[in-house]
Amino acid sequence: MRSLFFVVLLPALSYGAVINVFPPSGIQSAVHQASPHDTILVHDGEYTETVVLYGKDLVIASLYLMDGDISHVSATIICPDSLHPDTGSCLVYAYGETLAGALVGVTLRNGRGTYWNYAGGP
């Protein structure tokens, strides 16, 4: 009976937490408090920031993930906060993130990319 308990319990431990983000708070602060495999649920609004995942496999999603309402996609926007032409990314995947993470139902606007110096980072 004891081994059955562990078999049933282990899948339940593999699910991450859900962290809700509302404007004007930032997505990046949620990334910092998140653990791998958590879901960051981003509520409708415009978020002016560059989101860097720092190697965490996270799901970042609009409310579309919860209710399938396509209007959340155009209402949940990430814009880069930098006017500098070499650091204009909306989202940065550069620290070993895997395909376990996902971006779902979010509009990325005005991103220009980030120049990456492989000798020393961005």
PDB file of N, CA and C in Angstrom:
ATOM      1  N   MET A   1       0.821  -1.197   0.000  1.00  0.00           N
ATOM      2  CA  MET A   1       0.000   0.000   0.000  1.00  0.00           C
ATOM      3  C   MET A   1       0.862   1.256   0.000  1.00  0.00           C
ATOM      4  N   ARG A   2       1.975   1.230   0.696  1.00  0.00           N
ATOM      5  CA  ARG A   2       2.840   2.395   0.773  1.00  0.00           C
ATOM      6  C   ARG A   2       3.400   2.756  -0.605  1.00  0.00           C
ATOM      7  N   SER A   3       3.808   1.791  -1.411  1.00  0.00           N
ATOM      8  CA  SER A   3       4.346   2.099  -2.739  1.00  0.00           C
ATOM      9  C   SER A   3       3.270   2.675  -3.657  1.00  0.00           C
ATOM     10  N   LEU A   4       2.042   2.256  -3.510  1.00  0.00           N
ATOM     11  CA  LEU A   4       0.945   2.815  -4.297  1.00  0.00           C
ATOM     12  C   LEU A   4       0.735   4.284  -3.953  1.00  0.00           C
ATOM     13  N   PHE A   5       0.869   4.636  -2.707  1.00  0.00           N
ATOM     14  CA  PHE A   5       0.727   6.029  -2.277  1.00  0.00           C
ATOM     15  C   PHE A   5       1.755   6.907  -2.978  1.00  0.00           C
ATOM     16  N   PHE A   6       3.000   6.472  -3.059  1.00  0.00           N
ATOM     17  CA  PHE A   6       4.038   7.266  -3.711  1.00  0.00           C
ATOM     18  C   PHE A   6       3.811   7.368  -5.211  1.00  0.00           C
ATOM     19  N   VAL A   7       3.337   6.320  -5.828  1.00  0.00           N
ATOM     20  CA  VAL A   7       3.057   6.355  -7.257  1.00  0.00           C
ATOM     21  C   VAL A   7       1.952   7.358  -7.559  1.00  0.00           C
ATOM     22  N   VAL A   8       0.948   7.412  -6.734  1.00  0.00           N
ATOM     23  CA  VAL A   8      -0.151   8.347  -6.923  1.00  0.00           C
ATOM     24  C   VAL A   8       0.285   9.774  -6.593  1.00  0.00           C
ATOM     25  N   LEU A   9       1.137   9.947  -5.609  1.00  0.00           N
ATOM     26  CA  LEU A   9       1.553  11.268  -5.163  1.00  0.00           C
ATOM     27  C   LEU A   9       2.538  11.939  -6.118  1.00  0.00           C
ATOM     28  N   LEU A  10       3.445  11.215  -6.709  1.00  0.00           N
ATOM     29  CA  LEU A  10       4.480  11.824  -7.546  1.00  0.00           C
ATOM     30  C   LEU A  10       3.941  12.627  -8.725  1.00  0.00           C
ATOM     31  N   PRO A  11       2.945  12.160  -9.479  1.00  0.00           N
ATOM     32  CA  PRO A  11       2.429  13.015 -10.551  1.00  0.00           C
ATOM     33  C   PRO A  11       1.824  14.314 -10.035  1.00  0.00           C
ATOM     34  N   ALA A  12       1.243  14.292  -8.864  1.00  0.00           N
ATOM     35  CA  ALA A  12       0.656  15.516  -8.310  1.00  0.00           C
ATOM     36  C   ALA A  12       1.730  16.536  -7.972  1.00  0.00           C
ATOM     37  N   LEU A  13       2.926  16.098  -7.641  1.00  0.00           N
ATOM     38  CA  LEU A  13       4.013  17.014  -7.302  1.00  0.00           C
ATOM     39  C   LEU A  13       4.661  17.641  -8.527  1.00  0.00           C
ATOM     40  N   SER A  14       4.391  17.121  -9.716  1.00  0.00           N
ATOM     41  CA  SER A  14       5.046  17.628 -10.918  1.00  0.00           C
ATOM     42  C   SER A  14       4.371  18.868 -11.497  1.00  0.00           C
ATOM     43  N   TYR A  15       3.219  19.258 -10.986  1.00  0.00           N
ATOM     44  CA  TYR A  15       2.527  20.434 -11.487  1.00  0.00           C
ATOM     45  C   TYR A  15       3.055  21.677 -10.794  1.00  0.00           C
ATOM     46  N   GLY A  16       3.155  22.765 -11.559  1.00  0.00           N
ATOM     47  CA  GLY A  16       3.637  24.011 -10.988  1.00  0.00           C
ATOM     48  C   GLY A  16       2.500  24.871 -10.469  1.00  0.00           C
ATOM     49  N   ALA A  17       2.896  25.951  -9.835  1.00  0.00           N
ATOM     50  CA  ALA A  17       1.937  26.922  -9.306  1.00  0.00           C
ATOM     51  C   ALA A  17       1.470  27.858 -10.413  1.00  0.00           C
ATOM     52  N   VAL A  18       0.374  28.556 -10.160  1.00  0.00           N
ATOM     53  CA  VAL A  18      -0.123  29.589 -11.066  1.00  0.00           C
ATOM     54  C   VAL A  18       0.081  30.935 -10.379  1.00  0.00           C
ATOM     55  N   ILE A  19       0.783  31.835 -11.070  1.00  0.00           N
ATOM     56  CA  ILE A  19       1.046  33.176 -10.556  1.00  0.00           C
ATOM     57  C   ILE A  19       0.283  34.153 -11.433  1.00  0.00           C
ATOM     58  N   ASN A  20      -0.629  34.907 -10.853  1.00  0.00           N
ATOM     59  CA  ASN A  20      -1.425  35.888 -11.595  1.00  0.00           C
ATOM     60  C   ASN A  20      -0.709  37.227 -11.630  1.00  0.00           C
ATOM     61  N   VAL A  21      -0.701  37.856 -12.813  1.00  0.00           N
ATOM     62  CA  VAL A  21      -0.085  39.171 -12.994  1.00  0.00           C
ATOM     63  C   VAL A  21      -1.146  40.115 -13.555  1.00  0.00           C
ATOM     64  N   PHE A  22      -1.318  41.238 -12.892  1.00  0.00           N
ATOM     65  CA  PHE A  22      -2.267  42.267 -13.314  1.00  0.00           C
ATOM     66  C   PHE A  22      -1.493  43.553 -13.590  1.00  0.00           C
ATOM     67  N   PRO A  23      -1.944  44.349 -14.595  1.00  0.00           N
ATOM     68  CA  PRO A  23      -1.310  45.657 -14.764  1.00  0.00           C
ATOM     69  C   PRO A  23      -1.584  46.502 -13.519  1.00  0.00           C
ATOM     70  N   PRO A  24      -0.704  47.322 -13.072  1.00  0.00           N
ATOM     71  CA  PRO A  24       0.571  47.694 -13.673  1.00  0.00           C
ATOM     72  C   PRO A  24       1.751  46.868 -13.178  1.00  0.00           C
ATOM     73  N   SER A  25       1.530  45.802 -12.396  1.00  0.00           N
ATOM     74  CA  SER A  25       2.672  45.001 -11.943  1.00  0.00           C
ATOM     75  C   SER A  25       3.325  44.335 -13.141  1.00  0.00           C
ATOM     76  N   GLY A  26       4.561  43.914 -12.984  1.00  0.00           N
ATOM     77  CA  GLY A  26       5.307  43.395 -14.119  1.00  0.00           C
ATOM     78  C   GLY A  26       5.370  41.884 -14.183  1.00  0.00           C
ATOM     79  N   ILE A  27       5.561  41.403 -15.395  1.00  0.00           N
ATOM     80  CA  ILE A  27       5.732  39.973 -15.631  1.00  0.00           C
ATOM     81  C   ILE A  27       7.087  39.526 -15.102  1.00  0.00           C
ATOM     82  N   GLN A  28       8.112  40.380 -15.242  1.00  0.00           N
ATOM     83  CA  GLN A  28       9.456  40.007 -14.817  1.00  0.00           C
ATOM     84  C   GLN A  28       9.511  39.694 -13.323  1.00  0.00           C
ATOM     85  N   SER A  29       8.806  40.440 -12.518  1.00  0.00           N
ATOM     86  CA  SER A  29       8.808  40.149 -11.078  1.00  0.00           C
ATOM     87  C   SER A  29       8.183  38.780 -10.805  1.00  0.00           C
ATOM     88  N   ALA A  30       7.192  38.395 -11.594  1.00  0.00           N
ATOM     89  CA  ALA A  30       6.599  37.059 -11.460  1.00  0.00           C
ATOM     90  C   ALA A  30       7.595  35.983 -11.880  1.00  0.00           C
ATOM     91  N   VAL A  31       8.390  36.258 -12.921  1.00  0.00           N
ATOM     92  CA  VAL A  31       9.426  35.307 -13.348  1.00  0.00           C
ATOM     93  C   VAL A  31      10.421  35.091 -12.212  1.00  0.00           C
ATOM     94  N   HIS A  32      10.825  36.155 -11.540  1.00  0.00           N
ATOM     95  CA  HIS A  32      11.786  36.033 -10.441  1.00  0.00           C
ATOM     96  C   HIS A  32      11.245  35.179  -9.297  1.00  0.00           C
ATOM     97  N   GLN A  33       9.971  35.271  -8.995  1.00  0.00           N
ATOM     98  CA  GLN A  33       9.416  34.489  -7.889  1.00  0.00           C
ATOM     99  C   GLN A  33       8.983  33.091  -8.320  1.00  0.00           C
ATOM    100  N   ALA A  34       8.922  32.832  -9.614  1.00  0.00           N
ATOM    101  CA  ALA A  34       8.443  31.537 -10.120  1.00  0.00           C
ATOM    102  C   ALA A  34       9.503  30.447  -9.995  1.00  0.00           C
ATOM    103  N   SER A  35       9.018  29.232  -9.913  1.00  0.00           N
ATOM    104  CA  SER A  35       9.861  28.043  -9.976  1.00  0.00           C
ATOM    105  C   SER A  35       9.652  27.396 -11.340  1.00  0.00           C
ATOM    106  N   PRO A  36      10.610  26.571 -11.795  1.00  0.00           N
ATOM    107  CA  PRO A  36      10.411  25.892 -13.076  1.00  0.00           C
ATOM    108  C   PRO A  36       9.062  25.166 -13.117  1.00  0.00           C
ATOM    109  N   HIS A  37       8.425  25.226 -14.269  1.00  0.00           N
ATOM    110  CA  HIS A  37       7.142  24.579 -14.565  1.00  0.00           C
ATOM    111  C   HIS A  37       5.933  25.317 -13.988  1.00  0.00           C
ATOM    112  N   ASP A  38       6.143  26.493 -13.429  1.00  0.00           N
ATOM    113  CA  ASP A  38       5.010  27.313 -13.001  1.00  0.00           C
ATOM    114  C   ASP A  38       4.356  27.959 -14.217  1.00  0.00           C
ATOM    115  N   THR A  39       3.137  28.421 -14.042  1.00  0.00           N
ATOM    116  CA  THR A  39       2.416  29.160 -15.077  1.00  0.00           C
ATOM    117  C   THR A  39       2.220  30.589 -14.597  1.00  0.00           C
ATOM    118  N   ILE A  40       2.615  31.543 -15.438  1.00  0.00           N
ATOM    119  CA  ILE A  40       2.374  32.950 -15.158  1.00  0.00           C
ATOM    120  C   ILE A  40       1.180  33.359 -16.001  1.00  0.00           C
ATOM    121  N   LEU A  41       0.082  33.640 -15.340  1.00  0.00           N
ATOM    122  CA  LEU A  41      -1.166  33.999 -16.008  1.00  0.00           C
ATOM    123  C   LEU A  41      -1.251  35.522 -16.066  1.00  0.00           C
ATOM    124  N   VAL A  42      -1.100  36.066 -17.279  1.00  0.00           N
ATOM    125  CA  VAL A  42      -1.015  37.508 -17.488  1.00  0.00           C
ATOM    126  C   VAL A  42      -2.396  38.031 -17.878  1.00  0.00           C
ATOM    127  N   HIS A  43      -2.932  38.915 -17.059  1.00  0.00           N
ATOM    128  CA  HIS A  43      -4.256  39.479 -17.323  1.00  0.00           C
ATOM    129  C   HIS A  43      -4.163  40.585 -18.367  1.00  0.00           C
ATOM    130  N   ASP A  44      -5.280  40.873 -19.025  1.00  0.00           N
ATOM    131  CA  ASP A  44      -5.329  41.857 -20.110  1.00  0.00           C
ATOM    132  C   ASP A  44      -4.672  43.169 -19.699  1.00  0.00           C
ATOM    133  N   GLY A  45      -3.865  43.713 -20.622  1.00  0.00           N
ATOM    134  CA  GLY A  45      -3.197  44.987 -20.386  1.00  0.00           C
ATOM    135  C   GLY A  45      -1.915  45.053 -21.193  1.00  0.00           C
ATOM    136  N   GLU A  46      -1.260  46.205 -21.151  1.00  0.00           N
ATOM    137  CA  GLU A  46       0.019  46.377 -21.840  1.00  0.00           C
ATOM    138  C   GLU A  46       1.131  46.397 -20.796  1.00  0.00           C
ATOM    139  N   TYR A  47       2.136  45.556 -21.022  1.00  0.00           N
ATOM    140  CA  TYR A  47       3.264  45.412 -20.116  1.00  0.00           C
ATOM    141  C   TYR A  47       4.511  45.899 -20.848  1.00  0.00           C
ATOM    142  N   THR A  48       5.059  47.024 -20.401  1.00  0.00           N
ATOM    143  CA  THR A  48       6.224  47.610 -21.053  1.00  0.00           C
ATOM    144  C   THR A  48       7.458  47.163 -20.290  1.00  0.00           C
ATOM    145  N   GLU A  49       8.077  46.115 -20.794  1.00  0.00           N
ATOM    146  CA  GLU A  49       9.248  45.525 -20.146  1.00  0.00           C
ATOM    147  C   GLU A  49       9.847  44.477 -21.067  1.00  0.00           C
ATOM    148  N   THR A  50      11.075  44.126 -20.792  1.00  0.00           N
ATOM    149  CA  THR A  50      11.705  42.993 -21.445  1.00  0.00           C
ATOM    150  C   THR A  50      11.692  41.855 -20.439  1.00  0.00           C
ATOM    151  N   VAL A  51      11.091  40.745 -20.806  1.00  0.00           N
ATOM    152  CA  VAL A  51      10.966  39.603 -19.902  1.00  0.00           C
ATOM    153  C   VAL A  51      12.105  38.631 -20.197  1.00  0.00           C
ATOM    154  N   VAL A  52      12.939  38.377 -19.192  1.00  0.00           N
ATOM    155  CA  VAL A  52      14.069  37.456 -19.314  1.00  0.00           C
ATOM    156  C   VAL A  52      13.773  36.256 -18.421  1.00  0.00           C
ATOM    157  N   LEU A  53      13.833  35.053 -19.000  1.00  0.00           N
ATOM    158  CA  LEU A  53      13.430  33.859 -18.260  1.00  0.00           C
ATOM    159  C   LEU A  53      14.534  33.251 -17.397  1.00  0.00           C
ATOM    160  N   TYR A  54      15.778  33.579 -17.630  1.00  0.00           N
ATOM    161  CA  TYR A  54      16.907  33.112 -16.809  1.00  0.00           C
ATOM    162  C   TYR A  54      16.903  31.604 -16.592  1.00  0.00           C
ATOM    163  N   GLY A  55      16.643  30.850 -17.655  1.00  0.00           N
ATOM    164  CA  GLY A  55      16.738  29.400 -17.599  1.00  0.00           C
ATOM    165  C   GLY A  55      15.532  28.679 -17.019  1.00  0.00           C
ATOM    166  N   LYS A  56      14.495  29.393 -16.669  1.00  0.00           N
ATOM    167  CA  LYS A  56      13.307  28.751 -16.093  1.00  0.00           C
ATOM    168  C   LYS A  56      12.333  28.351 -17.200  1.00  0.00           C
ATOM    169  N   ASP A  57      11.909  27.096 -17.165  1.00  0.00           N
ATOM    170  CA  ASP A  57      10.882  26.623 -18.093  1.00  0.00           C
ATOM    171  C   ASP A  57       9.519  26.984 -17.513  1.00  0.00           C
ATOM    172  N   LEU A  58       8.928  28.045 -18.045  1.00  0.00           N
ATOM    173  CA  LEU A  58       7.662  28.565 -17.547  1.00  0.00           C
ATOM    174  C   LEU A  58       6.643  28.630 -18.672  1.00  0.00           C
ATOM    175  N   VAL A  59       5.390  28.581 -18.318  1.00  0.00           N
ATOM    176  CA  VAL A  59       4.318  28.901 -19.252  1.00  0.00           C
ATOM    177  C   VAL A  59       3.891  30.330 -18.923  1.00  0.00           C
ATOM    178  N   ILE A  60       4.005  31.215 -19.910  1.00  0.00           N
ATOM    179  CA  ILE A  60       3.525  32.585 -19.774  1.00  0.00           C
ATOM    180  C   ILE A  60       2.327  32.689 -20.699  1.00  0.00           C
ATOM    181  N   ALA A  61       1.161  32.967 -20.130  1.00  0.00           N
ATOM    182  CA  ALA A  61      -0.067  32.902 -20.925  1.00  0.00           C
ATOM    183  C   ALA A  61      -1.046  34.000 -20.534  1.00  0.00           C
ATOM    184  N   SER A  62      -1.831  34.407 -21.527  1.00  0.00           N
ATOM    185  CA  SER A  62      -2.949  35.317 -21.258  1.00  0.00           C
ATOM    186  C   SER A  62      -4.123  34.491 -20.738  1.00  0.00           C
ATOM    187  N   LEU A  63      -5.207  35.164 -20.455  1.00  0.00           N
ATOM    188  CA  LEU A  63      -6.418  34.469 -20.008  1.00  0.00           C
ATOM    189  C   LEU A  63      -6.998  33.557 -21.088  1.00  0.00           C
ATOM    190  N   TYR A  64      -6.506  33.685 -22.314  1.00  0.00           N
ATOM    191  CA  TYR A  64      -6.902  32.776 -23.396  1.00  0.00           C
ATOM    192  C   TYR A  64      -6.684  31.320 -22.978  1.00  0.00           C
ATOM    193  N   LEU A  65      -5.630  31.078 -22.227  1.00  0.00           N
ATOM    194  CA  LEU A  65      -5.334  29.725 -21.764  1.00  0.00           C
ATOM    195  C   LEU A  65      -6.469  29.169 -20.905  1.00  0.00           C
ATOM    196  N   MET A  66      -7.137  30.036 -20.172  1.00  0.00           N
ATOM    197  CA  MET A  66      -8.179  29.595 -19.247  1.00  0.00           C
ATOM    198  C   MET A  66      -9.554  29.455 -19.896  1.00  0.00           C
ATOM    199  N   ASP A  67      -9.898  30.416 -20.790  1.00  0.00           N
ATOM    200  CA  ASP A  67     -11.273  30.405 -21.309  1.00  0.00           C
ATOM    201  C   ASP A  67     -11.384  30.284 -22.827  1.00  0.00           C
ATOM    202  N   GLY A  68     -10.254  30.280 -23.541  1.00  0.00           N
ATOM    203  CA  GLY A  68     -10.283  30.132 -24.993  1.00  0.00           C
ATOM    204  C   GLY A  68     -10.802  31.344 -25.742  1.00  0.00           C
ATOM    205  N   ASP A  69     -11.005  32.453 -25.051  1.00  0.00           N
ATOM    206  CA  ASP A  69     -11.509  33.676 -25.686  1.00  0.00           C
ATOM    207  C   ASP A  69     -10.360  34.370 -26.418  1.00  0.00           C
ATOM    208  N   ILE A  70     -10.413  34.374 -27.741  1.00  0.00           N
ATOM    209  CA  ILE A  70      -9.344  34.907 -28.584  1.00  0.00           C
ATOM    210  C   ILE A  70      -9.101  36.401 -28.366  1.00  0.00           C
ATOM    211  N   SER A  71     -10.070  37.128 -27.818  1.00  0.00           N
ATOM    212  CA  SER A  71      -9.889  38.569 -27.596  1.00  0.00           C
ATOM    213  C   SER A  71      -8.779  38.859 -26.583  1.00  0.00           C
ATOM    214  N   HIS A  72      -8.461  37.904 -25.731  1.00  0.00           N
ATOM    215  CA  HIS A  72      -7.376  38.099 -24.763  1.00  0.00           C
ATOM    216  C   HIS A  72      -6.009  38.206 -25.452  1.00  0.00           C
ATOM    217  N   VAL A  73      -5.875  37.588 -26.623  1.00  0.00           N
ATOM    218  CA  VAL A  73      -4.583  37.602 -27.323  1.00  0.00           C
ATOM    219  C   VAL A  73      -4.196  39.028 -27.703  1.00  0.00           C
ATOM    220  N   SER A  74      -5.104  39.775 -28.287  1.00  0.00           N
ATOM    221  CA  SER A  74      -4.790  41.153 -28.687  1.00  0.00           C
ATOM    222  C   SER A  74      -4.853  42.129 -27.514  1.00  0.00           C
ATOM    223  N   ALA A  75      -5.426  41.715 -26.402  1.00  0.00           N
ATOM    224  CA  ALA A  75      -5.544  42.594 -25.234  1.00  0.00           C
ATOM    225  C   ALA A  75      -4.415  42.398 -24.224  1.00  0.00           C
ATOM    226  N   THR A  76      -3.558  41.410 -24.458  1.00  0.00           N
ATOM    227  CA  THR A  76      -2.436  41.130 -23.559  1.00  0.00           C
ATOM    228  C   THR A  76      -1.154  41.343 -24.352  1.00  0.00           C
ATOM    229  N   ILE A  77      -0.461  42.450 -24.082  1.00  0.00           N
ATOM    230  CA  ILE A  77       0.627  42.924 -24.940  1.00  0.00           C
ATOM    231  C   ILE A  77       1.903  43.094 -24.124  1.00  0.00           C
ATOM    232  N   ILE A  78       3.013  42.604 -24.684  1.00  0.00           N
ATOM    233  CA  ILE A  78       4.332  42.867 -24.112  1.00  0.00           C
ATOM    234  C   ILE A  78       5.099  43.718 -25.112  1.00  0.00           C
ATOM    235  N   CYS A  79       5.576  44.880 -24.657  1.00  0.00           N
ATOM    236  CA  CYS A  79       6.402  45.796 -25.456  1.00  0.00           C
ATOM    237  C   CYS A  79       7.737  45.954 -24.746  1.00  0.00           C
ATOM    238  N   PRO A  80       8.847  45.998 -25.491  1.00  0.00           N
ATOM    239  CA  PRO A  80      10.137  46.204 -24.824  1.00  0.00           C
ATOM    240  C   PRO A  80      10.211  47.592 -24.198  1.00  0.00           C
ATOM    241  N   ASP A  81      10.956  47.689 -23.107  1.00  0.00           N
ATOM    242  CA  ASP A  81      11.063  48.964 -22.409  1.00  0.00           C
ATOM    243  C   ASP A  81      12.273  49.781 -22.836  1.00  0.00           C
ATOM    244  N   SER A  82      13.073  49.260 -23.736  1.00  0.00           N
ATOM    245  CA  SER A  82      14.292  49.953 -24.133  1.00  0.00           C
ATOM    246  C   SER A  82      14.130  50.608 -25.492  1.00  0.00           C
ATOM    247  N   LEU A  83      14.589  51.837 -25.597  1.00  0.00           N
ATOM    248  CA  LEU A  83      14.610  52.528 -26.883  1.00  0.00           C
ATOM    249  C   LEU A  83      15.910  52.269 -27.625  1.00  0.00           C
ATOM    250  N   HIS A  84      16.872  51.641 -26.951  1.00  0.00           N
ATOM    251  CA  HIS A  84      18.163  51.346 -27.572  1.00  0.00           C
ATOM    252  C   HIS A  84      17.976  50.263 -28.633  1.00  0.00           C
ATOM    253  N   PRO A  85      18.526  50.442 -29.836  1.00  0.00           N
ATOM    254  CA  PRO A  85      18.282  49.495 -30.923  1.00  0.00           C
ATOM    255  C   PRO A  85      18.865  48.104 -30.698  1.00  0.00           C
ATOM    256  N   ASP A  86      19.829  47.950 -29.779  1.00  0.00           N
ATOM    257  CA  ASP A  86      20.434  46.639 -29.554  1.00  0.00           C
ATOM    258  C   ASP A  86      19.802  45.862 -28.402  1.00  0.00           C
ATOM    259  N   THR A  87      18.858  46.446 -27.712  1.00  0.00           N
ATOM    260  CA  THR A  87      18.238  45.755 -26.579  1.00  0.00           C
ATOM    261  C   THR A  87      16.729  45.941 -26.607  1.00  0.00           C
ATOM    262  N   GLY A  88      16.117  45.607 -27.717  1.00  0.00           N
ATOM    263  CA  GLY A  88      14.686  45.822 -27.866  1.00  0.00           C
ATOM    264  C   GLY A  88      13.875  44.549 -27.930  1.00  0.00           C
ATOM    265  N   SER A  89      14.186  43.573 -27.098  1.00  0.00           N
ATOM    266  CA  SER A  89      13.428  42.322 -27.102  1.00  0.00           C
ATOM    267  C   SER A  89      12.240  42.397 -26.159  1.00  0.00           C
ATOM    268  N   CYS A  90      11.156  41.756 -26.564  1.00  0.00           N
ATOM    269  CA  CYS A  90      10.000  41.606 -25.681  1.00  0.00           C
ATOM    270  C   CYS A  90      10.262  40.480 -24.683  1.00  0.00           C
ATOM    271  N   LEU A  91      10.891  39.414 -25.174  1.00  0.00           N
ATOM    272  CA  LEU A  91      11.108  38.204 -24.394  1.00  0.00           C
ATOM    273  C   LEU A  91      12.489  37.673 -24.731  1.00  0.00           C
ATOM    274  N   VAL A  92      13.256  37.258 -23.722  1.00  0.00           N
ATOM    275  CA  VAL A  92      14.600  36.735 -23.953  1.00  0.00           C
ATOM    276  C   VAL A  92      14.672  35.297 -23.451  1.00  0.00           C
ATOM    277  N   TYR A  93      14.915  34.384 -24.388  1.00  0.00           N
ATOM    278  CA  TYR A  93      15.211  32.984 -24.092  1.00  0.00           C
ATOM    279  C   TYR A  93      16.689  32.809 -24.404  1.00  0.00           C
ATOM    280  N   ALA A  94      17.563  32.807 -23.415  1.00  0.00           N
ATOM    281  CA  ALA A  94      18.995  32.739 -23.703  1.00  0.00           C
ATOM    282  C   ALA A  94      19.800  32.030 -22.629  1.00  0.00           C
ATOM    283  N   TYR A  95      19.159  31.428 -21.668  1.00  0.00           N
ATOM    284  CA  TYR A  95      19.878  30.860 -20.536  1.00  0.00           C
ATOM    285  C   TYR A  95      19.571  29.378 -20.328  1.00  0.00           C
ATOM    286  N   GLY A  96      19.325  28.655 -21.413  1.00  0.00           N
ATOM    287  CA  GLY A  96      19.129  27.215 -21.322  1.00  0.00           C
ATOM    288  C   GLY A  96      17.697  26.758 -21.126  1.00  0.00           C
ATOM    289  N   GLU A  97      16.728  27.597 -21.432  1.00  0.00           N
ATOM    290  CA  GLU A  97      15.337  27.174 -21.351  1.00  0.00           C
ATOM    291  C   GLU A  97      15.103  26.044 -22.354  1.00  0.00           C
ATOM    292  N   THR A  98      14.114  25.200 -22.087  1.00  0.00           N
ATOM    293  CA  THR A  98      13.818  24.084 -22.984  1.00  0.00           C
ATOM    294  C   THR A  98      12.415  24.242 -23.567  1.00  0.00           C
ATOM    295  N   LEU A  99      12.024  23.255 -24.335  1.00  0.00           N
ATOM    296  CA  LEU A  99      10.688  23.259 -24.932  1.00  0.00           C
ATOM    297  C   LEU A  99       9.588  22.987 -23.909  1.00  0.00           C
ATOM    298  N   ALA A 100       9.948  22.779 -22.651  1.00  0.00           N
ATOM    299  CA  ALA A 100       8.939  22.568 -21.608  1.00  0.00           C
ATOM    300  C   ALA A 100       8.184  23.858 -21.294  1.00  0.00           C
ATOM    301  N   GLY A 101       8.758  24.999 -21.615  1.00  0.00           N
ATOM    302  CA  GLY A 101       8.090  26.283 -21.415  1.00  0.00           C
ATOM    303  C   GLY A 101       7.287  26.663 -22.648  1.00  0.00           C
ATOM    304  N   ALA A 102       6.408  27.656 -22.488  1.00  0.00           N
ATOM    305  CA  ALA A 102       5.588  28.087 -23.626  1.00  0.00           C
ATOM    306  C   ALA A 102       5.115  29.519 -23.423  1.00  0.00           C
ATOM    307  N   LEU A 103       4.847  30.174 -24.535  1.00  0.00           N
ATOM    308  CA  LEU A 103       4.216  31.487 -24.549  1.00  0.00           C
ATOM    309  C   LEU A 103       2.882  31.293 -25.258  1.00  0.00           C
ATOM    310  N   VAL A 104       1.772  31.583 -24.571  1.00  0.00           N
ATOM    311  CA  VAL A 104       0.448  31.252 -25.096  1.00  0.00           C
ATOM    312  C   VAL A 104      -0.462  32.477 -25.062  1.00  0.00           C
ATOM    313  N   GLY A 105      -0.991  32.850 -26.229  1.00  0.00           N
ATOM    314  CA  GLY A 105      -2.036  33.859 -26.291  1.00  0.00           C
ATOM    315  C   GLY A 105      -1.616  35.258 -25.902  1.00  0.00           C
ATOM    316  N   VAL A 106      -0.391  35.641 -26.256  1.00  0.00           N
ATOM    317  CA  VAL A 106       0.145  36.956 -25.910  1.00  0.00           C
ATOM    318  C   VAL A 106       0.610  37.643 -27.189  1.00  0.00           C
ATOM    319  N   THR A 107       0.386  38.949 -27.296  1.00  0.00           N
ATOM    320  CA  THR A 107       0.872  39.732 -28.431  1.00  0.00           C
ATOM    321  C   THR A 107       2.199  40.371 -28.061  1.00  0.00           C
ATOM    322  N   LEU A 108       3.212  40.177 -28.917  1.00  0.00           N
ATOM    323  CA  LEU A 108       4.510  40.837 -28.760  1.00  0.00           C
ATOM    324  C   LEU A 108       4.533  41.996 -29.738  1.00  0.00           C
ATOM    325  N   ARG A 109       4.779  43.213 -29.234  1.00  0.00           N
ATOM    326  CA  ARG A 109       4.692  44.400 -30.082  1.00  0.00           C
ATOM    327  C   ARG A 109       5.982  45.219 -29.993  1.00  0.00           C
ATOM    328  N   ASN A 110       6.438  45.699 -31.160  1.00  0.00           N
ATOM    329  CA  ASN A 110       7.581  46.613 -31.280  1.00  0.00           C
ATOM    330  C   ASN A 110       8.913  46.016 -30.848  1.00  0.00           C
ATOM    331  N   GLY A 111       9.012  44.710 -30.812  1.00  0.00           N
ATOM    332  CA  GLY A 111      10.291  44.086 -30.487  1.00  0.00           C
ATOM    333  C   GLY A 111      11.266  44.226 -31.647  1.00  0.00           C
ATOM    334  N   ARG A 112      12.524  44.471 -31.313  1.00  0.00           N
ATOM    335  CA  ARG A 112      13.557  44.637 -32.335  1.00  0.00           C
ATOM    336  C   ARG A 112      14.693  43.639 -32.171  1.00  0.00           C
ATOM    337  N   GLY A 113      14.619  42.782 -31.196  1.00  0.00           N
ATOM    338  CA  GLY A 113      15.694  41.840 -30.947  1.00  0.00           C
ATOM    339  C   GLY A 113      16.752  42.438 -30.036  1.00  0.00           C
ATOM    340  N   THR A 114      17.651  41.584 -29.590  1.00  0.00           N
ATOM    341  CA  THR A 114      18.739  42.007 -28.715  1.00  0.00           C
ATOM    342  C   THR A 114      20.043  41.501 -29.286  1.00  0.00           C
ATOM    343  N   TYR A 115      21.007  42.391 -29.452  1.00  0.00           N
ATOM    344  CA  TYR A 115      22.344  41.980 -29.889  1.00  0.00           C
ATOM    345  C   TYR A 115      22.970  41.178 -28.766  1.00  0.00           C
ATOM    346  N   TRP A 116      23.490  40.011 -29.096  1.00  0.00           N
ATOM    347  CA  TRP A 116      24.078  39.140 -28.088  1.00  0.00           C
ATOM    348  C   TRP A 116      25.551  38.955 -28.390  1.00  0.00           C
ATOM    349  N   ASN A 117      26.394  39.387 -27.479  1.00  0.00           N
ATOM    350  CA  ASN A 117      27.837  39.205 -27.588  1.00  0.00           C
ATOM    351  C   ASN A 117      28.170  37.903 -26.874  1.00  0.00           C
ATOM    352  N   TYR A 118      28.479  36.860 -27.617  1.00  0.00           N
ATOM    353  CA  TYR A 118      28.684  35.553 -27.006  1.00  0.00           C
ATOM    354  C   TYR A 118      29.878  35.517 -26.069  1.00  0.00           C
ATOM    355  N   ALA A 119      30.750  36.497 -26.159  1.00  0.00           N
ATOM    356  CA  ALA A 119      31.884  36.552 -25.242  1.00  0.00           C
ATOM    357  C   ALA A 119      31.488  37.121 -23.886  1.00  0.00           C
ATOM    358  N   GLY A 120      30.397  37.886 -23.842  1.00  0.00           N
ATOM    359  CA  GLY A 120      30.090  38.533 -22.574  1.00  0.00           C
ATOM    360  C   GLY A 120      28.638  38.824 -22.318  1.00  0.00           C
ATOM    361  N   GLY A 121      27.709  38.228 -23.033  1.00  0.00           N
ATOM    362  CA  GLY A 121      26.287  38.452 -22.775  1.00  0.00           C
ATOM    363  C   GLY A 121      25.728  39.611 -23.570  1.00  0.00           C
ATOM    364  N   PRO A 122      24.541  40.081 -23.198  1.00  0.00           N
ATOM    365  CA  PRO A 122      23.882  41.134 -23.981  1.00  0.00           C
ATOM    366  C   PRO A 122      24.560  42.485 -23.840  1.00  0.00           C
TER     367      PRO A 122
END
